[in-house]
Amino acid sequence: REIICDQLELSEDDVTLDAVLTDVGAD
């Protein structure tokens, strides 16, 4: 979660186990 939040500039609340990578903005 820390890696993804840093890379995509997201809050920890946006990064859950069920979150789809493309839905959180990962291309």
mmCIF file of all heavy atoms, coordinates in Angstrom:
data_MODEL
# 
_entry.id   MODEL 
# 
loop_
_atom_site.group_PDB 
_atom_site.id 
_atom_site.type_symbol 
_atom_site.label_atom_id 
_atom_site.label_alt_id 
_atom_site.label_comp_id 
_atom_site.label_asym_id 
_atom_site.label_entity_id 
_atom_site.label_seq_id 
_atom_site.pdbx_PDB_ins_code 
_atom_site.Cartn_x 
_atom_site.Cartn_y 
_atom_site.Cartn_z 
_atom_site.occupancy 
_atom_site.B_iso_or_equiv 
_atom_site.pdbx_formal_charge 
_atom_site.auth_seq_id 
_atom_site.auth_comp_id 
_atom_site.auth_asym_id 
_atom_site.auth_atom_id 
_atom_site.pdbx_PDB_model_num 
ATOM 1   N N   . ARG A 1 1  ? 0.839   -1.208 0.000   1.00 0.00 ? 1  ARG A N   1 
ATOM 2   C CA  . ARG A 1 1  ? 0.000   0.000  0.000   1.00 0.00 ? 1  ARG A CA  1 
ATOM 3   C C   . ARG A 1 1  ? 0.867   1.249  0.000   1.00 0.00 ? 1  ARG A C   1 
ATOM 4   O O   . ARG A 1 1  ? 0.576   2.214  -0.714  1.00 0.00 ? 1  ARG A O   1 
ATOM 5   C CB  . ARG A 1 1  ? -0.941  -0.009 1.201   1.00 0.00 ? 1  ARG A CB  1 
ATOM 6   C CG  . ARG A 1 1  ? -1.829  1.222  1.244   1.00 0.00 ? 1  ARG A CG  1 
ATOM 7   C CD  . ARG A 1 1  ? -2.898  1.152  2.273   1.00 0.00 ? 1  ARG A CD  1 
ATOM 8   N NE  . ARG A 1 1  ? -2.360  0.824  3.574   1.00 0.00 ? 1  ARG A NE  1 
ATOM 9   C CZ  . ARG A 1 1  ? -3.095  0.441  4.609   1.00 0.00 ? 1  ARG A CZ  1 
ATOM 10  N NH1 . ARG A 1 1  ? -4.395  0.332  4.477   1.00 0.00 ? 1  ARG A NH1 1 
ATOM 11  N NH2 . ARG A 1 1  ? -2.535  0.167  5.760   1.00 0.00 ? 1  ARG A NH2 1 
ATOM 12  N N   . GLU A 1 2  ? 1.948   1.256  0.757   1.00 0.00 ? 2  GLU A N   1 
ATOM 13  C CA  . GLU A 1 2  ? 2.851   2.405  0.775   1.00 0.00 ? 2  GLU A CA  1 
ATOM 14  C C   . GLU A 1 2  ? 3.447   2.655  -0.603  1.00 0.00 ? 2  GLU A C   1 
ATOM 15  O O   . GLU A 1 2  ? 3.523   3.801  -1.052  1.00 0.00 ? 2  GLU A O   1 
ATOM 16  C CB  . GLU A 1 2  ? 3.972   2.178  1.787   1.00 0.00 ? 2  GLU A CB  1 
ATOM 17  C CG  . GLU A 1 2  ? 3.540   2.270  3.228   1.00 0.00 ? 2  GLU A CG  1 
ATOM 18  C CD  . GLU A 1 2  ? 4.687   1.979  4.186   1.00 0.00 ? 2  GLU A CD  1 
ATOM 19  O OE1 . GLU A 1 2  ? 5.857   2.200  3.812   1.00 0.00 ? 2  GLU A OE1 1 
ATOM 20  O OE2 . GLU A 1 2  ? 4.408   1.523  5.300   1.00 0.00 ? 2  GLU A OE2 1 
ATOM 21  N N   . ILE A 1 3  ? 3.869   1.576  -1.260  1.00 0.00 ? 3  ILE A N   1 
ATOM 22  C CA  . ILE A 1 3  ? 4.444   1.705  -2.603  1.00 0.00 ? 3  ILE A CA  1 
ATOM 23  C C   . ILE A 1 3  ? 3.416   2.302  -3.559  1.00 0.00 ? 3  ILE A C   1 
ATOM 24  O O   . ILE A 1 3  ? 3.710   3.244  -4.303  1.00 0.00 ? 3  ILE A O   1 
ATOM 25  C CB  . ILE A 1 3  ? 4.925   0.331  -3.121  1.00 0.00 ? 3  ILE A CB  1 
ATOM 26  C CG1 . ILE A 1 3  ? 6.150   -0.128 -2.327  1.00 0.00 ? 3  ILE A CG1 1 
ATOM 27  C CG2 . ILE A 1 3  ? 5.238   0.380  -4.611  1.00 0.00 ? 3  ILE A CG2 1 
ATOM 28  C CD1 . ILE A 1 3  ? 6.545   -1.575 -2.587  1.00 0.00 ? 3  ILE A CD1 1 
ATOM 29  N N   . ILE A 1 4  ? 2.208   1.753  -3.553  1.00 0.00 ? 4  ILE A N   1 
ATOM 30  C CA  . ILE A 1 4  ? 1.168   2.215  -4.473  1.00 0.00 ? 4  ILE A CA  1 
ATOM 31  C C   . ILE A 1 4  ? 0.769   3.655  -4.168  1.00 0.00 ? 4  ILE A C   1 
ATOM 32  O O   . ILE A 1 4  ? 0.610   4.468  -5.079  1.00 0.00 ? 4  ILE A O   1 
ATOM 33  C CB  . ILE A 1 4  ? -0.046  1.269  -4.442  1.00 0.00 ? 4  ILE A CB  1 
ATOM 34  C CG1 . ILE A 1 4  ? 0.355   -0.097 -5.022  1.00 0.00 ? 4  ILE A CG1 1 
ATOM 35  C CG2 . ILE A 1 4  ? -1.225  1.859  -5.205  1.00 0.00 ? 4  ILE A CG2 1 
ATOM 36  C CD1 . ILE A 1 4  ? -0.688  -1.177 -4.854  1.00 0.00 ? 4  ILE A CD1 1 
ATOM 37  N N   . CYS A 1 5  ? 0.640   3.983  -2.908  1.00 0.00 ? 5  CYS A N   1 
ATOM 38  C CA  . CYS A 1 5  ? 0.289   5.366  -2.537  1.00 0.00 ? 5  CYS A CA  1 
ATOM 39  C C   . CYS A 1 5  ? 1.361   6.340  -2.998  1.00 0.00 ? 5  CYS A C   1 
ATOM 40  O O   . CYS A 1 5  ? 1.043   7.420  -3.507  1.00 0.00 ? 5  CYS A O   1 
ATOM 41  C CB  . CYS A 1 5  ? 0.090   5.471  -1.027  1.00 0.00 ? 5  CYS A CB  1 
ATOM 42  S SG  . CYS A 1 5  ? -1.437  4.733  -0.434  1.00 0.00 ? 5  CYS A SG  1 
ATOM 43  N N   . ASP A 1 6  ? 2.624   5.966  -2.825  1.00 0.00 ? 6  ASP A N   1 
ATOM 44  C CA  . ASP A 1 6  ? 3.713   6.838  -3.265  1.00 0.00 ? 6  ASP A CA  1 
ATOM 45  C C   . ASP A 1 6  ? 3.736   6.994  -4.780  1.00 0.00 ? 6  ASP A C   1 
ATOM 46  O O   . ASP A 1 6  ? 3.874   8.104  -5.291  1.00 0.00 ? 6  ASP A O   1 
ATOM 47  C CB  . ASP A 1 6  ? 5.066   6.291  -2.796  1.00 0.00 ? 6  ASP A CB  1 
ATOM 48  C CG  . ASP A 1 6  ? 5.280   6.457  -1.301  1.00 0.00 ? 6  ASP A CG  1 
ATOM 49  O OD1 . ASP A 1 6  ? 4.550   7.247  -0.663  1.00 0.00 ? 6  ASP A OD1 1 
ATOM 50  O OD2 . ASP A 1 6  ? 6.179   5.782  -0.756  1.00 0.00 ? 6  ASP A OD2 1 
ATOM 51  N N   . GLN A 1 7  ? 3.587   5.872  -5.500  1.00 0.00 ? 7  GLN A N   1 
ATOM 52  C CA  . GLN A 1 7  ? 3.669   5.902  -6.962  1.00 0.00 ? 7  GLN A CA  1 
ATOM 53  C C   . GLN A 1 7  ? 2.501   6.665  -7.587  1.00 0.00 ? 7  GLN A C   1 
ATOM 54  O O   . GLN A 1 7  ? 2.680   7.380  -8.565  1.00 0.00 ? 7  GLN A O   1 
ATOM 55  C CB  . GLN A 1 7  ? 3.684   4.476  -7.521  1.00 0.00 ? 7  GLN A CB  1 
ATOM 56  C CG  . GLN A 1 7  ? 4.898   3.672  -7.166  1.00 0.00 ? 7  GLN A CG  1 
ATOM 57  C CD  . GLN A 1 7  ? 6.102   4.007  -8.024  1.00 0.00 ? 7  GLN A CD  1 
ATOM 58  O OE1 . GLN A 1 7  ? 5.979   4.496  -9.136  1.00 0.00 ? 7  GLN A OE1 1 
ATOM 59  N NE2 . GLN A 1 7  ? 7.276   3.749  -7.493  1.00 0.00 ? 7  GLN A NE2 1 
ATOM 60  N N   . LEU A 1 8  ? 1.314   6.465  -7.043  1.00 0.00 ? 8  LEU A N   1 
ATOM 61  C CA  . LEU A 1 8  ? 0.108   7.041  -7.658  1.00 0.00 ? 8  LEU A CA  1 
ATOM 62  C C   . LEU A 1 8  ? -0.424  8.257  -6.919  1.00 0.00 ? 8  LEU A C   1 
ATOM 63  O O   . LEU A 1 8  ? -1.470  8.793  -7.295  1.00 0.00 ? 8  LEU A O   1 
ATOM 64  C CB  . LEU A 1 8  ? -0.990  5.968  -7.744  1.00 0.00 ? 8  LEU A CB  1 
ATOM 65  C CG  . LEU A 1 8  ? -0.636  4.719  -8.547  1.00 0.00 ? 8  LEU A CG  1 
ATOM 66  C CD1 . LEU A 1 8  ? -1.786  3.723  -8.506  1.00 0.00 ? 8  LEU A CD1 1 
ATOM 67  C CD2 . LEU A 1 8  ? -0.280  5.073  -9.979  1.00 0.00 ? 8  LEU A CD2 1 
ATOM 68  N N   . GLU A 1 9  ? 0.279   8.665  -5.865  1.00 0.00 ? 9  GLU A N   1 
ATOM 69  C CA  . GLU A 1 9  ? -0.127  9.821  -5.060  1.00 0.00 ? 9  GLU A CA  1 
ATOM 70  C C   . GLU A 1 9  ? -1.561  9.679  -4.562  1.00 0.00 ? 9  GLU A C   1 
ATOM 71  O O   . GLU A 1 9  ? -2.407  10.557 -4.754  1.00 0.00 ? 9  GLU A O   1 
ATOM 72  C CB  . GLU A 1 9  ? 0.068   11.108 -5.848  1.00 0.00 ? 9  GLU A CB  1 
ATOM 73  C CG  . GLU A 1 9  ? 1.512   11.353 -6.238  1.00 0.00 ? 9  GLU A CG  1 
ATOM 74  C CD  . GLU A 1 9  ? 1.721   12.615 -7.045  1.00 0.00 ? 9  GLU A CD  1 
ATOM 75  O OE1 . GLU A 1 9  ? 0.747   13.341 -7.325  1.00 0.00 ? 9  GLU A OE1 1 
ATOM 76  O OE2 . GLU A 1 9  ? 2.875   12.881 -7.403  1.00 0.00 ? 9  GLU A OE2 1 
ATOM 77  N N   . LEU A 1 10 ? -1.827  8.535  -3.922  1.00 0.00 ? 10 LEU A N   1 
ATOM 78  C CA  . LEU A 1 10 ? -3.144  8.236  -3.371  1.00 0.00 ? 10 LEU A CA  1 
ATOM 79  C C   . LEU A 1 10 ? -3.104  8.264  -1.854  1.00 0.00 ? 10 LEU A C   1 
ATOM 80  O O   . LEU A 1 10 ? -2.038  8.130  -1.250  1.00 0.00 ? 10 LEU A O   1 
ATOM 81  C CB  . LEU A 1 10 ? -3.598  6.839  -3.819  1.00 0.00 ? 10 LEU A CB  1 
ATOM 82  C CG  . LEU A 1 10 ? -3.748  6.605  -5.310  1.00 0.00 ? 10 LEU A CG  1 
ATOM 83  C CD1 . LEU A 1 10 ? -3.978  5.129  -5.576  1.00 0.00 ? 10 LEU A CD1 1 
ATOM 84  C CD2 . LEU A 1 10 ? -4.899  7.428  -5.858  1.00 0.00 ? 10 LEU A CD2 1 
ATOM 85  N N   . SER A 1 11 ? -4.269  8.380  -1.246  1.00 0.00 ? 11 SER A N   1 
ATOM 86  C CA  . SER A 1 11 ? -4.344  8.230  0.198   1.00 0.00 ? 11 SER A CA  1 
ATOM 87  C C   . SER A 1 11 ? -4.489  6.744  0.513   1.00 0.00 ? 11 SER A C   1 
ATOM 88  O O   . SER A 1 11 ? -4.921  5.947  -0.337  1.00 0.00 ? 11 SER A O   1 
ATOM 89  C CB  . SER A 1 11 ? -5.531  9.000  0.776   1.00 0.00 ? 11 SER A CB  1 
ATOM 90  O OG  . SER A 1 11 ? -6.737  8.335  0.483   1.00 0.00 ? 11 SER A OG  1 
ATOM 91  N N   . GLU A 1 12 ? -4.132  6.347  1.711   1.00 0.00 ? 12 GLU A N   1 
ATOM 92  C CA  . GLU A 1 12 ? -4.220  4.940  2.104   1.00 0.00 ? 12 GLU A CA  1 
ATOM 93  C C   . GLU A 1 12 ? -5.660  4.428  2.027   1.00 0.00 ? 12 GLU A C   1 
ATOM 94  O O   . GLU A 1 12 ? -5.881  3.250  1.807   1.00 0.00 ? 12 GLU A O   1 
ATOM 95  C CB  . GLU A 1 12 ? -3.643  4.731  3.497   1.00 0.00 ? 12 GLU A CB  1 
ATOM 96  C CG  . GLU A 1 12 ? -2.139  4.857  3.526   1.00 0.00 ? 12 GLU A CG  1 
ATOM 97  C CD  . GLU A 1 12 ? -1.535  4.482  4.868   1.00 0.00 ? 12 GLU A CD  1 
ATOM 98  O OE1 . GLU A 1 12 ? -2.299  4.191  5.820   1.00 0.00 ? 12 GLU A OE1 1 
ATOM 99  O OE2 . GLU A 1 12 ? -0.306  4.479  4.964   1.00 0.00 ? 12 GLU A OE2 1 
ATOM 100 N N   . ASP A 1 13 ? -6.633  5.293  2.202   1.00 0.00 ? 13 ASP A N   1 
ATOM 101 C CA  . ASP A 1 13 ? -8.040  4.892  2.126   1.00 0.00 ? 13 ASP A CA  1 
ATOM 102 C C   . ASP A 1 13 ? -8.432  4.409  0.731   1.00 0.00 ? 13 ASP A C   1 
ATOM 103 O O   . ASP A 1 13 ? -9.360  3.617  0.578   1.00 0.00 ? 13 ASP A O   1 
ATOM 104 C CB  . ASP A 1 13 ? -8.957  6.041  2.538   1.00 0.00 ? 13 ASP A CB  1 
ATOM 105 C CG  . ASP A 1 13 ? -8.807  6.419  4.003   1.00 0.00 ? 13 ASP A CG  1 
ATOM 106 O OD1 . ASP A 1 13 ? -8.374  5.560  4.796   1.00 0.00 ? 13 ASP A OD1 1 
ATOM 107 O OD2 . ASP A 1 13 ? -9.118  7.575  4.338   1.00 0.00 ? 13 ASP A OD2 1 
ATOM 108 N N   . ASP A 1 14 ? -7.723  4.891  -0.296  1.00 0.00 ? 14 ASP A N   1 
ATOM 109 C CA  . ASP A 1 14 ? -8.030  4.510  -1.675  1.00 0.00 ? 14 ASP A CA  1 
ATOM 110 C C   . ASP A 1 14 ? -7.484  3.133  -2.044  1.00 0.00 ? 14 ASP A C   1 
ATOM 111 O O   . ASP A 1 14 ? -7.898  2.542  -3.033  1.00 0.00 ? 14 ASP A O   1 
ATOM 112 C CB  . ASP A 1 14 ? -7.447  5.531  -2.664  1.00 0.00 ? 14 ASP A CB  1 
ATOM 113 C CG  . ASP A 1 14 ? -8.078  6.899  -2.518  1.00 0.00 ? 14 ASP A CG  1 
ATOM 114 O OD1 . ASP A 1 14 ? -9.285  6.962  -2.210  1.00 0.00 ? 14 ASP A OD1 1 
ATOM 115 O OD2 . ASP A 1 14 ? -7.368  7.902  -2.710  1.00 0.00 ? 14 ASP A OD2 1 
ATOM 116 N N   . VAL A 1 15 ? -6.530  2.642  -1.256  1.00 0.00 ? 15 VAL A N   1 
ATOM 117 C CA  . VAL A 1 15 ? -5.828  1.402  -1.588  1.00 0.00 ? 15 VAL A CA  1 
ATOM 118 C C   . VAL A 1 15 ? -6.315  0.292  -0.657  1.00 0.00 ? 15 VAL A C   1 
ATOM 119 O O   . VAL A 1 15 ? -5.901  0.198  0.495   1.00 0.00 ? 15 VAL A O   1 
ATOM 120 C CB  . VAL A 1 15 ? -4.297  1.587  -1.479  1.00 0.00 ? 15 VAL A CB  1 
ATOM 121 C CG1 . VAL A 1 15 ? -3.582  0.301  -1.850  1.00 0.00 ? 15 VAL A CG1 1 
ATOM 122 C CG2 . VAL A 1 15 ? -3.851  2.736  -2.370  1.00 0.00 ? 15 VAL A CG2 1 
ATOM 123 N N   . THR A 1 16 ? -7.219  -0.528 -1.187  1.00 0.00 ? 16 THR A N   1 
ATOM 124 C CA  . THR A 1 16 ? -7.761  -1.661 -0.443  1.00 0.00 ? 16 THR A CA  1 
ATOM 125 C C   . THR A 1 16 ? -7.468  -2.942 -1.219  1.00 0.00 ? 16 THR A C   1 
ATOM 126 O O   . THR A 1 16 ? -7.099  -2.898 -2.395  1.00 0.00 ? 16 THR A O   1 
ATOM 127 C CB  . THR A 1 16 ? -9.285  -1.532 -0.254  1.00 0.00 ? 16 THR A CB  1 
ATOM 128 O OG1 . THR A 1 16 ? -9.905  -1.592 -1.547  1.00 0.00 ? 16 THR A OG1 1 
ATOM 129 C CG2 . THR A 1 16 ? -9.650  -0.225 0.438   1.00 0.00 ? 16 THR A CG2 1 
ATOM 130 N N   . LEU A 1 17 ? -7.643  -4.069 -0.571  1.00 0.00 ? 17 LEU A N   1 
ATOM 131 C CA  . LEU A 1 17 ? -7.399  -5.353 -1.239  1.00 0.00 ? 17 LEU A CA  1 
ATOM 132 C C   . LEU A 1 17 ? -8.303  -5.551 -2.445  1.00 0.00 ? 17 LEU A C   1 
ATOM 133 O O   . LEU A 1 17 ? -7.912  -6.174 -3.426  1.00 0.00 ? 17 LEU A O   1 
ATOM 134 C CB  . LEU A 1 17 ? -7.580  -6.511 -0.255  1.00 0.00 ? 17 LEU A CB  1 
ATOM 135 C CG  . LEU A 1 17 ? -6.488  -6.660 0.799   1.00 0.00 ? 17 LEU A CG  1 
ATOM 136 C CD1 . LEU A 1 17 ? -6.881  -7.714 1.818   1.00 0.00 ? 17 LEU A CD1 1 
ATOM 137 C CD2 . LEU A 1 17 ? -5.160  -7.015 0.149   1.00 0.00 ? 17 LEU A CD2 1 
ATOM 138 N N   . ASP A 1 18 ? -9.512  -5.016 -2.388  1.00 0.00 ? 18 ASP A N   1 
ATOM 139 C CA  . ASP A 1 18 ? -10.476 -5.184 -3.470  1.00 0.00 ? 18 ASP A CA  1 
ATOM 140 C C   . ASP A 1 18 ? -10.353 -4.133 -4.571  1.00 0.00 ? 18 ASP A C   1 
ATOM 141 O O   . ASP A 1 18 ? -11.022 -4.239 -5.600  1.00 0.00 ? 18 ASP A O   1 
ATOM 142 C CB  . ASP A 1 18 ? -11.902 -5.148 -2.921  1.00 0.00 ? 18 ASP A CB  1 
ATOM 143 C CG  . ASP A 1 18 ? -12.184 -6.307 -1.985  1.00 0.00 ? 18 ASP A CG  1 
ATOM 144 O OD1 . ASP A 1 18 ? -11.608 -7.393 -2.186  1.00 0.00 ? 18 ASP A OD1 1 
ATOM 145 O OD2 . ASP A 1 18 ? -12.979 -6.123 -1.050  1.00 0.00 ? 18 ASP A OD2 1 
ATOM 146 N N   . ALA A 1 19 ? -9.513  -3.131 -4.355  1.00 0.00 ? 19 ALA A N   1 
ATOM 147 C CA  . ALA A 1 19 ? -9.385  -2.049 -5.335  1.00 0.00 ? 19 ALA A CA  1 
ATOM 148 C C   . ALA A 1 19 ? -8.767  -2.581 -6.630  1.00 0.00 ? 19 ALA A C   1 
ATOM 149 O O   . ALA A 1 19 ? -7.763  -3.286 -6.616  1.00 0.00 ? 19 ALA A O   1 
ATOM 150 C CB  . ALA A 1 19 ? -8.537  -0.914 -4.775  1.00 0.00 ? 19 ALA A CB  1 
ATOM 151 N N   . VAL A 1 20 ? -9.389  -2.235 -7.748  1.00 0.00 ? 20 VAL A N   1 
ATOM 152 C CA  . VAL A 1 20 ? -8.872  -2.612 -9.063  1.00 0.00 ? 20 VAL A CA  1 
ATOM 153 C C   . VAL A 1 20 ? -7.793  -1.603 -9.440  1.00 0.00 ? 20 VAL A C   1 
ATOM 154 O O   . VAL A 1 20 ? -7.993  -0.395 -9.317  1.00 0.00 ? 20 VAL A O   1 
ATOM 155 C CB  . VAL A 1 20 ? -10.015 -2.628 -10.104 1.00 0.00 ? 20 VAL A CB  1 
ATOM 156 C CG1 . VAL A 1 20 ? -9.484  -2.910 -11.496 1.00 0.00 ? 20 VAL A CG1 1 
ATOM 157 C CG2 . VAL A 1 20 ? -11.075 -3.644 -9.702  1.00 0.00 ? 20 VAL A CG2 1 
ATOM 158 N N   . LEU A 1 21 ? -6.649  -2.119 -9.879  1.00 0.00 ? 21 LEU A N   1 
ATOM 159 C CA  . LEU A 1 21 ? -5.511  -1.244 -10.149 1.00 0.00 ? 21 LEU A CA  1 
ATOM 160 C C   . LEU A 1 21 ? -5.836  -0.140 -11.145 1.00 0.00 ? 21 LEU A C   1 
ATOM 161 O O   . LEU A 1 21 ? -5.446  1.011  -10.945 1.00 0.00 ? 21 LEU A O   1 
ATOM 162 C CB  . LEU A 1 21 ? -4.324  -2.077 -10.631 1.00 0.00 ? 21 LEU A CB  1 
ATOM 163 C CG  . LEU A 1 21 ? -3.677  -2.931 -9.539  1.00 0.00 ? 21 LEU A CG  1 
ATOM 164 C CD1 . LEU A 1 21 ? -2.802  -4.009 -10.145 1.00 0.00 ? 21 LEU A CD1 1 
ATOM 165 C CD2 . LEU A 1 21 ? -2.872  -2.049 -8.602  1.00 0.00 ? 21 LEU A CD2 1 
ATOM 166 N N   . THR A 1 22 ? -6.556  -0.466 -12.201 1.00 0.00 ? 22 THR A N   1 
ATOM 167 C CA  . THR A 1 22 ? -6.884  0.574  -13.183 1.00 0.00 ? 22 THR A CA  1 
ATOM 168 C C   . THR A 1 22 ? -7.877  1.586  -12.618 1.00 0.00 ? 22 THR A C   1 
ATOM 169 O O   . THR A 1 22 ? -7.880  2.739  -13.032 1.00 0.00 ? 22 THR A O   1 
ATOM 170 C CB  . THR A 1 22 ? -7.431  -0.038 -14.483 1.00 0.00 ? 22 THR A CB  1 
ATOM 171 O OG1 . THR A 1 22 ? -8.537  -0.883 -14.175 1.00 0.00 ? 22 THR A OG1 1 
ATOM 172 C CG2 . THR A 1 22 ? -6.360  -0.832 -15.214 1.00 0.00 ? 22 THR A CG2 1 
ATOM 173 N N   . ASP A 1 23 ? -8.696  1.169  -11.674 1.00 0.00 ? 23 ASP A N   1 
ATOM 174 C CA  . ASP A 1 23 ? -9.661  2.087  -11.062 1.00 0.00 ? 23 ASP A CA  1 
ATOM 175 C C   . ASP A 1 23 ? -8.997  3.097  -10.132 1.00 0.00 ? 23 ASP A C   1 
ATOM 176 O O   . ASP A 1 23 ? -9.560  4.153  -9.873  1.00 0.00 ? 23 ASP A O   1 
ATOM 177 C CB  . ASP A 1 23 ? -10.749 1.326  -10.297 1.00 0.00 ? 23 ASP A CB  1 
ATOM 178 C CG  . ASP A 1 23 ? -11.712 0.594  -11.225 1.00 0.00 ? 23 ASP A CG  1 
ATOM 179 O OD1 . ASP A 1 23 ? -11.663 0.841  -12.456 1.00 0.00 ? 23 ASP A OD1 1 
ATOM 180 O OD2 . ASP A 1 23 ? -12.489 -0.233 -10.723 1.00 0.00 ? 23 ASP A OD2 1 
ATOM 181 N N   . VAL A 1 24 ? -7.819  2.749  -9.599  1.00 0.00 ? 24 VAL A N   1 
ATOM 182 C CA  . VAL A 1 24 ? -7.116  3.697  -8.737  1.00 0.00 ? 24 VAL A CA  1 
ATOM 183 C C   . VAL A 1 24 ? -6.123  4.541  -9.533  1.00 0.00 ? 24 VAL A C   1 
ATOM 184 O O   . VAL A 1 24 ? -5.347  5.289  -8.969  1.00 0.00 ? 24 VAL A O   1 
ATOM 185 C CB  . VAL A 1 24 ? -6.403  2.998  -7.546  1.00 0.00 ? 24 VAL A CB  1 
ATOM 186 C CG1 . VAL A 1 24 ? -7.401  2.373  -6.614  1.00 0.00 ? 24 VAL A CG1 1 
ATOM 187 C CG2 . VAL A 1 24 ? -5.368  1.996  -8.018  1.00 0.00 ? 24 VAL A CG2 1 
ATOM 188 N N   . GLY A 1 25 ? -6.186  4.409  -10.860 1.00 0.00 ? 25 GLY A N   1 
ATOM 189 C CA  . GLY A 1 25 ? -5.404  5.291  -11.716 1.00 0.00 ? 25 GLY A CA  1 
ATOM 190 C C   . GLY A 1 25 ? -4.102  4.723  -12.243 1.00 0.00 ? 25 GLY A C   1 
ATOM 191 O O   . GLY A 1 25 ? -3.290  5.465  -12.787 1.00 0.00 ? 25 GLY A O   1 
ATOM 192 N N   . ALA A 1 26 ? -3.875  3.426  -12.102 1.00 0.00 ? 26 ALA A N   1 
ATOM 193 C CA  . ALA A 1 26 ? -2.633  2.830  -12.578 1.00 0.00 ? 26 ALA A CA  1 
ATOM 194 C C   . ALA A 1 26 ? -2.749  2.483  -14.060 1.00 0.00 ? 26 ALA A C   1 
ATOM 195 O O   . ALA A 1 26 ? -3.592  1.689  -14.441 1.00 0.00 ? 26 ALA A O   1 
ATOM 196 C CB  . ALA A 1 26 ? -2.314  1.575  -11.772 1.00 0.00 ? 26 ALA A CB  1 
ATOM 197 N N   . ASP A 1 27 ? -1.906  3.107  -14.881 1.00 0.00 ? 27 ASP A N   1 
ATOM 198 C CA  . ASP A 1 27 ? -1.845  2.712  -16.288 1.00 0.00 ? 27 ASP A CA  1 
ATOM 199 C C   . ASP A 1 27 ? -0.682  1.737  -16.463 1.00 0.00 ? 27 ASP A C   1 
ATOM 200 O O   . ASP A 1 27 ? -0.038  1.345  -15.489 1.00 0.00 ? 27 ASP A O   1 
ATOM 201 C CB  . ASP A 1 27 ? -1.731  3.929  -17.203 1.00 0.00 ? 27 ASP A CB  1 
ATOM 202 C CG  . ASP A 1 27 ? -0.465  4.747  -16.980 1.00 0.00 ? 27 ASP A CG  1 
ATOM 203 O OD1 . ASP A 1 27 ? 0.524   4.209  -16.419 1.00 0.00 ? 27 ASP A OD1 1 
ATOM 204 O OD2 . ASP A 1 27 ? -0.453  5.925  -17.365 1.00 0.00 ? 27 ASP A OD2 1 
# 
